[in-house]
Amino acid sequence: MKWRIDFRIWHWLHALVILALLGTVFLRKTFLSWRDNSEILTDKLFDMDIDVTLEQAKVLAKSIRAPMWDWHIYLGYGLAALLLYRIVLFYTHKKEKEELSLHKKLVKFSYLGIYTLLGFMTVSGFEIHFYKELGMSKDVTHSIKELHELAYNLVLIFVALHLMGVLIAENRDEKGIVSDMIHGGKS
């Protein structure tokens, strides 16, 4: 199978952006958790004879992770651009109709599902970020954020399944699938 250079560049940029977005969420929920870090700040500052309230420590903890969270937003813009470009690639590169096995049909359907999910993540991310400008209430924004976070978990599952699928394909009937996505493959 031959992979065009524009699709391969899109694929690897897309993978990088998705992994970076997942990484920012992972950091937010672990090492840069404001809950954990505000307690650490409160305790360490207390040891230094500096008294801060839990609310002040929360502000400090959130400010520590703010630059990382800015990157999440920038990456969200990148994801939006890559999804739009994927639509362009789809319409400018029609493949010949071929008879697909049930497995290939399921794979194709799963990609449609992940693109739809990523589209939702992009739109909901913009709604969360621009909720004030959109005139949305905090309650509605909170509900959207919960759905956005649920979708994050589904993306994690897809990434794991995708990597497993590539490994299985590489070791079964599609040898060279990874290197083909790097250098283009055979015509």
N, C-alpha and C. Protein backbone atom coordinates (compact mmCIF):
# COMPACT_ATOMS: atom_id res chain seq x y z
N MET A 1 0.85 -1.17 0.00
CA MET A 1 0.00 0.00 0.00
C MET A 1 0.90 1.24 0.00
N LYS A 2 0.57 2.21 -0.77
CA LYS A 2 1.35 3.43 -0.88
C LYS A 2 0.68 4.54 -0.08
N TRP A 3 1.43 5.16 0.81
CA TRP A 3 0.92 6.27 1.59
C TRP A 3 1.54 7.55 1.07
N ARG A 4 0.70 8.49 0.69
CA ARG A 4 1.19 9.78 0.18
C ARG A 4 1.90 10.54 1.30
N ILE A 5 2.84 11.38 0.90
CA ILE A 5 3.62 12.16 1.87
C ILE A 5 2.73 13.09 2.69
N ASP A 6 1.72 13.70 2.07
CA ASP A 6 0.85 14.61 2.83
C ASP A 6 0.08 13.86 3.90
N PHE A 7 -0.36 12.64 3.59
CA PHE A 7 -1.08 11.85 4.59
C PHE A 7 -0.13 11.40 5.70
N ARG A 8 1.08 10.99 5.35
CA ARG A 8 2.04 10.55 6.38
C ARG A 8 2.41 11.70 7.31
N ILE A 9 2.64 12.88 6.75
CA ILE A 9 2.95 14.04 7.60
C ILE A 9 1.77 14.34 8.51
N TRP A 10 0.56 14.32 7.92
CA TRP A 10 -0.64 14.55 8.73
C TRP A 10 -0.71 13.51 9.86
N HIS A 11 -0.51 12.23 9.53
CA HIS A 11 -0.63 11.14 10.50
C HIS A 11 0.30 11.36 11.69
N TRP A 12 1.58 11.68 11.42
CA TRP A 12 2.54 11.80 12.51
C TRP A 12 2.33 13.09 13.31
N LEU A 13 1.94 14.16 12.64
CA LEU A 13 1.60 15.40 13.38
C LEU A 13 0.38 15.15 14.26
N HIS A 14 -0.61 14.47 13.70
CA HIS A 14 -1.84 14.15 14.43
C HIS A 14 -1.51 13.29 15.66
N ALA A 15 -0.66 12.28 15.47
CA ALA A 15 -0.27 11.42 16.59
C ALA A 15 0.45 12.24 17.66
N LEU A 16 1.35 13.11 17.25
CA LEU A 16 2.09 13.95 18.19
C LEU A 16 1.16 14.87 18.98
N VAL A 17 0.21 15.50 18.29
CA VAL A 17 -0.73 16.41 18.96
C VAL A 17 -1.62 15.64 19.93
N ILE A 18 -2.13 14.48 19.50
CA ILE A 18 -2.99 13.68 20.39
C ILE A 18 -2.21 13.26 21.63
N LEU A 19 -0.99 12.76 21.44
CA LEU A 19 -0.20 12.32 22.60
C LEU A 19 0.14 13.50 23.51
N ALA A 20 0.43 14.64 22.94
CA ALA A 20 0.73 15.82 23.76
C ALA A 20 -0.51 16.28 24.53
N LEU A 21 -1.67 16.25 23.88
CA LEU A 21 -2.91 16.60 24.58
C LEU A 21 -3.18 15.63 25.72
N LEU A 22 -3.03 14.34 25.45
CA LEU A 22 -3.22 13.35 26.51
C LEU A 22 -2.20 13.56 27.62
N GLY A 23 -0.98 13.93 27.25
CA GLY A 23 0.06 14.19 28.25
C GLY A 23 -0.27 15.35 29.16
N THR A 24 -0.82 16.43 28.59
CA THR A 24 -1.18 17.57 29.44
C THR A 24 -2.27 17.20 30.43
N VAL A 25 -3.22 16.37 29.98
CA VAL A 25 -4.28 15.94 30.90
C VAL A 25 -3.70 15.03 31.98
N PHE A 26 -2.81 14.13 31.56
CA PHE A 26 -2.16 13.25 32.53
C PHE A 26 -1.42 14.07 33.59
N LEU A 27 -0.67 15.08 33.17
CA LEU A 27 0.05 15.93 34.12
C LEU A 27 -0.92 16.66 35.04
N ARG A 28 -2.02 17.14 34.45
CA ARG A 28 -3.02 17.88 35.24
C ARG A 28 -3.61 17.00 36.33
N LYS A 29 -3.81 15.73 36.02
CA LYS A 29 -4.45 14.83 36.97
C LYS A 29 -3.47 14.18 37.94
N THR A 30 -2.17 14.32 37.68
CA THR A 30 -1.17 13.66 38.54
C THR A 30 -0.23 14.70 39.15
N PHE A 31 0.91 14.89 38.56
CA PHE A 31 1.97 15.74 39.13
C PHE A 31 1.55 17.19 39.31
N LEU A 32 0.67 17.68 38.47
CA LEU A 32 0.27 19.09 38.55
C LEU A 32 -1.17 19.26 39.07
N SER A 33 -1.64 18.29 39.81
CA SER A 33 -2.97 18.38 40.42
C SER A 33 -2.98 19.52 41.45
N TRP A 34 -3.90 20.45 41.29
CA TRP A 34 -3.94 21.58 42.23
C TRP A 34 -4.30 21.10 43.63
N ARG A 35 -5.09 20.05 43.73
CA ARG A 35 -5.46 19.56 45.06
C ARG A 35 -4.22 19.07 45.81
N ASP A 36 -3.46 18.19 45.16
CA ASP A 36 -2.26 17.65 45.81
C ASP A 36 -1.22 18.74 46.05
N ASN A 37 -1.00 19.57 45.03
CA ASN A 37 0.05 20.58 45.15
C ASN A 37 -0.31 21.69 46.13
N SER A 38 -1.60 22.00 46.27
CA SER A 38 -1.95 23.03 47.26
C SER A 38 -1.68 22.53 48.67
N GLU A 39 -1.88 21.24 48.91
CA GLU A 39 -1.55 20.67 50.22
C GLU A 39 -0.04 20.69 50.45
N ILE A 40 0.72 20.33 49.43
CA ILE A 40 2.18 20.35 49.54
C ILE A 40 2.67 21.77 49.82
N LEU A 41 2.14 22.73 49.08
CA LEU A 41 2.52 24.14 49.29
C LEU A 41 2.18 24.60 50.70
N THR A 42 0.98 24.27 51.15
CA THR A 42 0.56 24.66 52.50
C THR A 42 1.51 24.08 53.54
N ASP A 43 1.81 22.79 53.41
CA ASP A 43 2.69 22.12 54.38
C ASP A 43 4.11 22.69 54.34
N LYS A 44 4.67 22.83 53.16
CA LYS A 44 6.06 23.30 53.03
C LYS A 44 6.20 24.75 53.47
N LEU A 45 5.23 25.57 53.13
CA LEU A 45 5.29 26.98 53.55
C LEU A 45 5.11 27.08 55.07
N PHE A 46 4.26 26.21 55.64
CA PHE A 46 4.09 26.18 57.10
C PHE A 46 5.41 25.82 57.77
N ASP A 47 6.13 24.85 57.18
CA ASP A 47 7.45 24.47 57.72
C ASP A 47 8.43 25.63 57.68
N MET A 48 8.18 26.58 56.79
CA MET A 48 9.06 27.76 56.65
C MET A 48 8.49 28.95 57.42
N ASP A 49 7.52 28.68 58.30
CA ASP A 49 6.85 29.71 59.10
C ASP A 49 6.10 30.73 58.25
N ILE A 50 5.56 30.27 57.14
CA ILE A 50 4.73 31.12 56.28
C ILE A 50 3.34 30.49 56.27
N ASP A 51 2.39 31.26 56.76
CA ASP A 51 1.02 30.75 56.81
C ASP A 51 0.25 31.17 55.57
N VAL A 52 -0.31 30.20 54.88
CA VAL A 52 -1.20 30.50 53.75
C VAL A 52 -2.48 29.69 53.94
N THR A 53 -3.55 30.26 53.45
CA THR A 53 -4.82 29.53 53.51
C THR A 53 -4.83 28.49 52.39
N LEU A 54 -5.75 27.57 52.52
CA LEU A 54 -5.90 26.55 51.47
C LEU A 54 -6.28 27.20 50.15
N GLU A 55 -7.07 28.26 50.21
CA GLU A 55 -7.47 28.98 49.00
C GLU A 55 -6.26 29.64 48.34
N GLN A 56 -5.39 30.24 49.13
CA GLN A 56 -4.18 30.86 48.58
C GLN A 56 -3.26 29.79 47.96
N ALA A 57 -3.15 28.67 48.63
CA ALA A 57 -2.33 27.57 48.11
C ALA A 57 -2.91 27.04 46.80
N LYS A 58 -4.25 27.01 46.73
CA LYS A 58 -4.93 26.58 45.50
C LYS A 58 -4.59 27.52 44.35
N VAL A 59 -4.61 28.81 44.59
CA VAL A 59 -4.26 29.80 43.57
C VAL A 59 -2.82 29.59 43.11
N LEU A 60 -1.91 29.37 44.06
CA LEU A 60 -0.51 29.13 43.71
C LEU A 60 -0.35 27.85 42.88
N ALA A 61 -1.01 26.78 43.32
CA ALA A 61 -0.90 25.49 42.62
C ALA A 61 -1.44 25.60 41.19
N LYS A 62 -2.55 26.31 41.04
CA LYS A 62 -3.12 26.48 39.69
C LYS A 62 -2.21 27.35 38.81
N SER A 63 -1.55 28.32 39.43
CA SER A 63 -0.66 29.18 38.64
C SER A 63 0.59 28.43 38.19
N ILE A 64 1.01 27.43 38.95
CA ILE A 64 2.16 26.62 38.56
C ILE A 64 1.84 25.83 37.28
N ARG A 65 0.62 25.31 37.19
CA ARG A 65 0.28 24.50 36.03
C ARG A 65 -0.30 25.30 34.87
N ALA A 66 -0.52 26.59 35.05
CA ALA A 66 -1.15 27.40 34.00
C ALA A 66 -0.41 27.36 32.67
N PRO A 67 0.93 27.48 32.65
CA PRO A 67 1.62 27.43 31.35
C PRO A 67 1.39 26.10 30.62
N MET A 68 1.37 25.00 31.38
CA MET A 68 1.11 23.70 30.77
C MET A 68 -0.31 23.66 30.20
N TRP A 69 -1.23 24.25 30.92
CA TRP A 69 -2.62 24.25 30.46
C TRP A 69 -2.77 25.14 29.22
N ASP A 70 -1.97 26.20 29.12
CA ASP A 70 -1.96 27.01 27.89
C ASP A 70 -1.56 26.14 26.70
N TRP A 71 -0.59 25.26 26.91
CA TRP A 71 -0.19 24.36 25.83
C TRP A 71 -1.34 23.44 25.42
N HIS A 72 -2.15 23.02 26.36
CA HIS A 72 -3.30 22.18 26.04
C HIS A 72 -4.23 22.93 25.06
N ILE A 73 -4.41 24.20 25.33
CA ILE A 73 -5.27 25.03 24.47
C ILE A 73 -4.65 25.19 23.09
N TYR A 74 -3.35 25.50 23.02
CA TYR A 74 -2.67 25.63 21.73
C TYR A 74 -2.74 24.32 20.94
N LEU A 75 -2.54 23.22 21.64
CA LEU A 75 -2.63 21.91 20.98
C LEU A 75 -4.05 21.64 20.48
N GLY A 76 -5.04 22.15 21.22
CA GLY A 76 -6.44 22.02 20.77
C GLY A 76 -6.65 22.74 19.45
N TYR A 77 -6.05 23.91 19.29
CA TYR A 77 -6.12 24.61 18.00
C TYR A 77 -5.44 23.77 16.91
N GLY A 78 -4.30 23.17 17.26
CA GLY A 78 -3.61 22.31 16.30
C GLY A 78 -4.45 21.12 15.91
N LEU A 79 -5.13 20.51 16.88
CA LEU A 79 -6.02 19.39 16.59
C LEU A 79 -7.14 19.81 15.65
N ALA A 80 -7.72 20.97 15.90
CA ALA A 80 -8.78 21.48 15.02
C ALA A 80 -8.27 21.63 13.59
N ALA A 81 -7.09 22.22 13.44
CA ALA A 81 -6.51 22.41 12.10
C ALA A 81 -6.23 21.06 11.43
N LEU A 82 -5.71 20.11 12.20
CA LEU A 82 -5.42 18.79 11.63
C LEU A 82 -6.68 18.04 11.24
N LEU A 83 -7.75 18.18 12.01
CA LEU A 83 -9.01 17.53 11.64
C LEU A 83 -9.58 18.13 10.36
N LEU A 84 -9.50 19.45 10.24
CA LEU A 84 -9.95 20.09 9.00
C LEU A 84 -9.10 19.64 7.81
N TYR A 85 -7.80 19.54 8.02
CA TYR A 85 -6.93 19.08 6.95
C TYR A 85 -7.21 17.62 6.58
N ARG A 86 -7.59 16.81 7.56
CA ARG A 86 -7.94 15.40 7.29
C ARG A 86 -9.16 15.33 6.38
N ILE A 87 -10.11 16.23 6.58
CA ILE A 87 -11.28 16.28 5.69
C ILE A 87 -10.84 16.62 4.27
N VAL A 88 -9.92 17.58 4.16
CA VAL A 88 -9.38 17.94 2.84
C VAL A 88 -8.71 16.72 2.21
N LEU A 89 -7.89 16.00 2.97
CA LEU A 89 -7.22 14.82 2.45
C LEU A 89 -8.23 13.78 1.98
N PHE A 90 -9.30 13.61 2.74
CA PHE A 90 -10.32 12.63 2.39
C PHE A 90 -10.95 12.95 1.03
N TYR A 91 -11.28 14.22 0.84
CA TYR A 91 -11.95 14.60 -0.41
C TYR A 91 -11.01 14.75 -1.59
N THR A 92 -9.72 14.92 -1.35
CA THR A 92 -8.78 15.07 -2.47
C THR A 92 -8.07 13.78 -2.82
N HIS A 93 -8.28 12.75 -2.02
CA HIS A 93 -7.61 11.48 -2.29
C HIS A 93 -8.59 10.33 -2.16
N LYS A 94 -9.40 10.17 -3.18
CA LYS A 94 -10.36 9.07 -3.19
C LYS A 94 -9.65 7.80 -3.62
N LYS A 95 -9.79 6.77 -2.82
CA LYS A 95 -9.21 5.48 -3.17
C LYS A 95 -10.18 4.73 -4.08
N GLU A 96 -9.62 3.83 -4.85
CA GLU A 96 -10.47 2.99 -5.68
C GLU A 96 -11.30 2.11 -4.76
N LYS A 97 -12.53 1.86 -5.20
CA LYS A 97 -13.40 0.98 -4.41
C LYS A 97 -12.82 -0.42 -4.43
N GLU A 98 -12.69 -0.98 -3.26
CA GLU A 98 -12.21 -2.35 -3.15
C GLU A 98 -13.10 -3.10 -2.17
N GLU A 99 -13.16 -4.39 -2.35
CA GLU A 99 -13.95 -5.21 -1.44
C GLU A 99 -13.18 -5.35 -0.14
N LEU A 100 -13.79 -4.91 0.94
CA LEU A 100 -13.13 -4.94 2.24
C LEU A 100 -13.62 -6.12 3.06
N SER A 101 -12.68 -6.71 3.80
CA SER A 101 -13.05 -7.78 4.73
C SER A 101 -13.83 -7.16 5.88
N LEU A 102 -14.50 -7.99 6.65
CA LEU A 102 -15.25 -7.49 7.81
C LEU A 102 -14.31 -6.75 8.76
N HIS A 103 -13.11 -7.29 8.95
CA HIS A 103 -12.12 -6.64 9.82
C HIS A 103 -11.80 -5.23 9.32
N LYS A 104 -11.53 -5.09 8.02
CA LYS A 104 -11.19 -3.78 7.44
C LYS A 104 -12.37 -2.81 7.54
N LYS A 105 -13.58 -3.33 7.38
CA LYS A 105 -14.77 -2.48 7.53
C LYS A 105 -14.88 -1.97 8.97
N LEU A 106 -14.60 -2.84 9.94
CA LEU A 106 -14.65 -2.43 11.35
C LEU A 106 -13.57 -1.40 11.66
N VAL A 107 -12.39 -1.59 11.08
CA VAL A 107 -11.30 -0.62 11.27
C VAL A 107 -11.71 0.72 10.70
N LYS A 108 -12.27 0.70 9.49
CA LYS A 108 -12.70 1.94 8.83
C LYS A 108 -13.78 2.64 9.68
N PHE A 109 -14.71 1.85 10.20
CA PHE A 109 -15.77 2.38 11.05
C PHE A 109 -15.20 2.97 12.33
N SER A 110 -14.16 2.32 12.90
CA SER A 110 -13.56 2.84 14.13
C SER A 110 -12.88 4.18 13.88
N TYR A 111 -12.28 4.36 12.68
CA TYR A 111 -11.67 5.65 12.37
C TYR A 111 -12.73 6.73 12.22
N LEU A 112 -13.84 6.40 11.62
CA LEU A 112 -14.94 7.35 11.54
C LEU A 112 -15.38 7.74 12.95
N GLY A 113 -15.44 6.77 13.84
CA GLY A 113 -15.81 7.03 15.23
C GLY A 113 -14.81 7.92 15.94
N ILE A 114 -13.52 7.65 15.75
CA ILE A 114 -12.52 8.46 16.46
C ILE A 114 -12.48 9.88 15.90
N TYR A 115 -12.66 10.05 14.59
CA TYR A 115 -12.68 11.40 14.03
C TYR A 115 -13.90 12.17 14.55
N THR A 116 -15.02 11.49 14.68
CA THR A 116 -16.22 12.13 15.23
C THR A 116 -15.98 12.51 16.70
N LEU A 117 -15.37 11.60 17.44
CA LEU A 117 -15.06 11.87 18.85
C LEU A 117 -14.08 13.03 18.98
N LEU A 118 -13.05 13.05 18.15
CA LEU A 118 -12.09 14.15 18.20
C LEU A 118 -12.72 15.47 17.77
N GLY A 119 -13.65 15.39 16.83
CA GLY A 119 -14.40 16.60 16.45
C GLY A 119 -15.20 17.13 17.63
N PHE A 120 -15.85 16.21 18.35
CA PHE A 120 -16.59 16.62 19.56
C PHE A 120 -15.64 17.22 20.59
N MET A 121 -14.48 16.59 20.78
CA MET A 121 -13.52 17.09 21.76
C MET A 121 -13.07 18.50 21.39
N THR A 122 -12.85 18.73 20.10
CA THR A 122 -12.41 20.05 19.64
C THR A 122 -13.49 21.10 19.90
N VAL A 123 -14.71 20.80 19.48
CA VAL A 123 -15.81 21.76 19.66
C VAL A 123 -16.07 21.99 21.14
N SER A 124 -16.13 20.92 21.92
CA SER A 124 -16.40 21.08 23.35
C SER A 124 -15.25 21.81 24.05
N GLY A 125 -14.02 21.57 23.61
CA GLY A 125 -12.88 22.29 24.18
C GLY A 125 -12.99 23.79 23.92
N PHE A 126 -13.38 24.14 22.69
CA PHE A 126 -13.57 25.56 22.38
C PHE A 126 -14.73 26.15 23.21
N GLU A 127 -15.80 25.37 23.40
CA GLU A 127 -16.92 25.86 24.21
C GLU A 127 -16.49 26.09 25.66
N ILE A 128 -15.67 25.18 26.18
CA ILE A 128 -15.19 25.34 27.55
C ILE A 128 -14.30 26.58 27.65
N HIS A 129 -13.42 26.72 26.69
CA HIS A 129 -12.47 27.84 26.73
C HIS A 129 -13.15 29.20 26.51
N PHE A 130 -14.14 29.24 25.62
CA PHE A 130 -14.80 30.50 25.26
C PHE A 130 -16.22 30.61 25.84
N TYR A 131 -16.46 29.94 26.97
CA TYR A 131 -17.83 29.91 27.50
C TYR A 131 -18.37 31.31 27.80
N LYS A 132 -17.53 32.20 28.28
CA LYS A 132 -18.00 33.56 28.58
C LYS A 132 -18.39 34.28 27.30
N GLU A 133 -17.51 34.22 26.30
CA GLU A 133 -17.78 34.88 25.02
C GLU A 133 -19.02 34.32 24.34
N LEU A 134 -19.29 33.03 24.59
CA LEU A 134 -20.46 32.37 24.00
C LEU A 134 -21.72 32.59 24.84
N GLY A 135 -21.56 33.25 25.99
CA GLY A 135 -22.71 33.52 26.86
C GLY A 135 -23.24 32.28 27.55
N MET A 136 -22.37 31.29 27.79
CA MET A 136 -22.80 30.04 28.42
C MET A 136 -22.67 30.15 29.94
N SER A 137 -23.60 29.52 30.62
CA SER A 137 -23.54 29.52 32.08
C SER A 137 -22.45 28.56 32.56
N LYS A 138 -22.04 28.73 33.80
CA LYS A 138 -21.03 27.83 34.37
C LYS A 138 -21.57 26.41 34.50
N ASP A 139 -22.87 26.28 34.76
CA ASP A 139 -23.47 24.94 34.87
C ASP A 139 -23.41 24.19 33.55
N VAL A 140 -23.77 24.88 32.47
CA VAL A 140 -23.73 24.25 31.14
C VAL A 140 -22.29 23.91 30.79
N THR A 141 -21.38 24.84 31.08
CA THR A 141 -19.97 24.63 30.79
C THR A 141 -19.43 23.44 31.58
N HIS A 142 -19.85 23.31 32.83
CA HIS A 142 -19.43 22.19 33.66
C HIS A 142 -19.91 20.87 33.05
N SER A 143 -21.14 20.83 32.57
CA SER A 143 -21.67 19.61 31.94
C SER A 143 -20.88 19.27 30.68
N ILE A 144 -20.56 20.28 29.90
CA ILE A 144 -19.77 20.06 28.69
C ILE A 144 -18.38 19.54 29.07
N LYS A 145 -17.81 20.11 30.13
CA LYS A 145 -16.49 19.67 30.59
C LYS A 145 -16.51 18.20 31.01
N GLU A 146 -17.58 17.78 31.68
CA GLU A 146 -17.69 16.38 32.08
C GLU A 146 -17.74 15.46 30.86
N LEU A 147 -18.48 15.87 29.82
CA LEU A 147 -18.54 15.08 28.58
C LEU A 147 -17.18 15.09 27.87
N HIS A 148 -16.51 16.23 27.91
CA HIS A 148 -15.18 16.36 27.32
C HIS A 148 -14.21 15.38 28.00
N GLU A 149 -14.29 15.29 29.32
CA GLU A 149 -13.41 14.39 30.07
C GLU A 149 -13.78 12.92 29.83
N LEU A 150 -15.06 12.63 29.65
CA LEU A 150 -15.48 11.27 29.30
C LEU A 150 -14.91 10.89 27.93
N ALA A 151 -14.99 11.83 26.99
CA ALA A 151 -14.45 11.59 25.66
C ALA A 151 -12.94 11.35 25.72
N TYR A 152 -12.26 12.05 26.62
CA TYR A 152 -10.82 11.84 26.83
C TYR A 152 -10.54 10.37 27.13
N ASN A 153 -11.35 9.78 28.00
CA ASN A 153 -11.16 8.37 28.35
C ASN A 153 -11.37 7.47 27.14
N LEU A 154 -12.33 7.81 26.29
CA LEU A 154 -12.55 7.03 25.07
C LEU A 154 -11.37 7.17 24.11
N VAL A 155 -10.79 8.36 24.04
CA VAL A 155 -9.60 8.55 23.19
C VAL A 155 -8.45 7.70 23.72
N LEU A 156 -8.28 7.65 25.04
CA LEU A 156 -7.24 6.80 25.63
C LEU A 156 -7.43 5.34 25.20
N ILE A 157 -8.67 4.87 25.25
CA ILE A 157 -8.96 3.49 24.84
C ILE A 157 -8.63 3.30 23.37
N PHE A 158 -9.01 4.28 22.52
CA PHE A 158 -8.73 4.16 21.10
C PHE A 158 -7.22 4.11 20.84
N VAL A 159 -6.46 4.97 21.50
CA VAL A 159 -5.01 4.99 21.30
C VAL A 159 -4.41 3.63 21.65
N ALA A 160 -4.84 3.08 22.78
CA ALA A 160 -4.34 1.76 23.18
C ALA A 160 -4.72 0.69 22.16
N LEU A 161 -5.97 0.71 21.71
CA LEU A 161 -6.42 -0.27 20.70
C LEU A 161 -5.69 -0.08 19.38
N HIS A 162 -5.45 1.17 19.00
CA HIS A 162 -4.74 1.46 17.75
C HIS A 162 -3.32 0.89 17.82
N LEU A 163 -2.63 1.16 18.91
CA LEU A 163 -1.26 0.66 19.04
C LEU A 163 -1.22 -0.87 19.06
N MET A 164 -2.17 -1.48 19.76
CA MET A 164 -2.23 -2.94 19.78
C MET A 164 -2.54 -3.48 18.38
N GLY A 165 -3.46 -2.82 17.69
CA GLY A 165 -3.82 -3.25 16.34
C GLY A 165 -2.65 -3.15 15.39
N VAL A 166 -1.88 -2.09 15.49
CA VAL A 166 -0.70 -1.93 14.63
C VAL A 166 0.32 -3.02 14.94
N LEU A 167 0.55 -3.30 16.22
CA LEU A 167 1.50 -4.36 16.59
C LEU A 167 1.04 -5.72 16.08
N ILE A 168 -0.24 -6.00 16.21
CA ILE A 168 -0.78 -7.28 15.73
C ILE A 168 -0.65 -7.36 14.21
N ALA A 169 -1.05 -6.29 13.52
CA ALA A 169 -0.96 -6.27 12.06
C ALA A 169 0.48 -6.43 11.60
N GLU A 170 1.40 -5.75 12.27
CA GLU A 170 2.82 -5.83 11.92
C GLU A 170 3.34 -7.26 12.04
N ASN A 171 2.82 -7.99 13.01
CA ASN A 171 3.30 -9.35 13.24
C ASN A 171 2.45 -10.43 12.59
N ARG A 172 1.44 -10.02 11.86
CA ARG A 172 0.61 -11.01 11.17
C ARG A 172 0.63 -10.77 9.67
N ASP A 173 -0.42 -10.15 9.16
CA ASP A 173 -0.60 -10.07 7.72
C ASP A 173 -0.21 -8.74 7.07
N GLU A 174 0.22 -7.77 7.84
CA GLU A 174 0.58 -6.47 7.27
C GLU A 174 1.99 -6.07 7.69
N LYS A 175 2.93 -6.96 7.44
CA LYS A 175 4.33 -6.69 7.82
C LYS A 175 4.79 -5.40 7.14
N GLY A 176 5.48 -4.58 7.92
CA GLY A 176 6.00 -3.32 7.38
C GLY A 176 5.02 -2.16 7.45
N ILE A 177 3.90 -2.35 8.14
CA ILE A 177 2.88 -1.28 8.20
C ILE A 177 3.44 0.00 8.85
N VAL A 178 4.30 -0.16 9.86
CA VAL A 178 4.88 1.00 10.54
C VAL A 178 5.88 1.68 9.62
N SER A 179 6.78 0.92 9.03
CA SER A 179 7.77 1.54 8.14
C SER A 179 7.10 2.14 6.90
N ASP A 180 6.00 1.52 6.44
CA ASP A 180 5.26 2.10 5.30
C ASP A 180 4.70 3.47 5.67
N MET A 181 4.28 3.65 6.92
CA MET A 181 3.73 4.93 7.34
C MET A 181 4.85 5.96 7.53
N ILE A 182 6.09 5.49 7.56
CA ILE A 182 7.23 6.40 7.66
C ILE A 182 7.75 6.76 6.28
N HIS A 183 8.00 5.77 5.45
CA HIS A 183 8.63 6.05 4.15
C HIS A 183 7.70 5.91 2.96
N GLY A 184 6.47 5.53 3.14
CA GLY A 184 5.50 5.52 2.05
C GLY A 184 5.06 4.17 1.57
N GLY A 185 5.88 3.17 1.69
CA GLY A 185 5.51 1.83 1.26
C GLY A 185 5.67 1.63 -0.23
N LYS A 186 5.27 0.44 -0.66
CA LYS A 186 5.38 0.05 -2.07
C LYS A 186 4.13 0.47 -2.82
N SER A 187 4.32 0.84 -4.07
CA SER A 187 3.17 1.22 -4.92
C SER A 187 2.32 0.02 -5.22
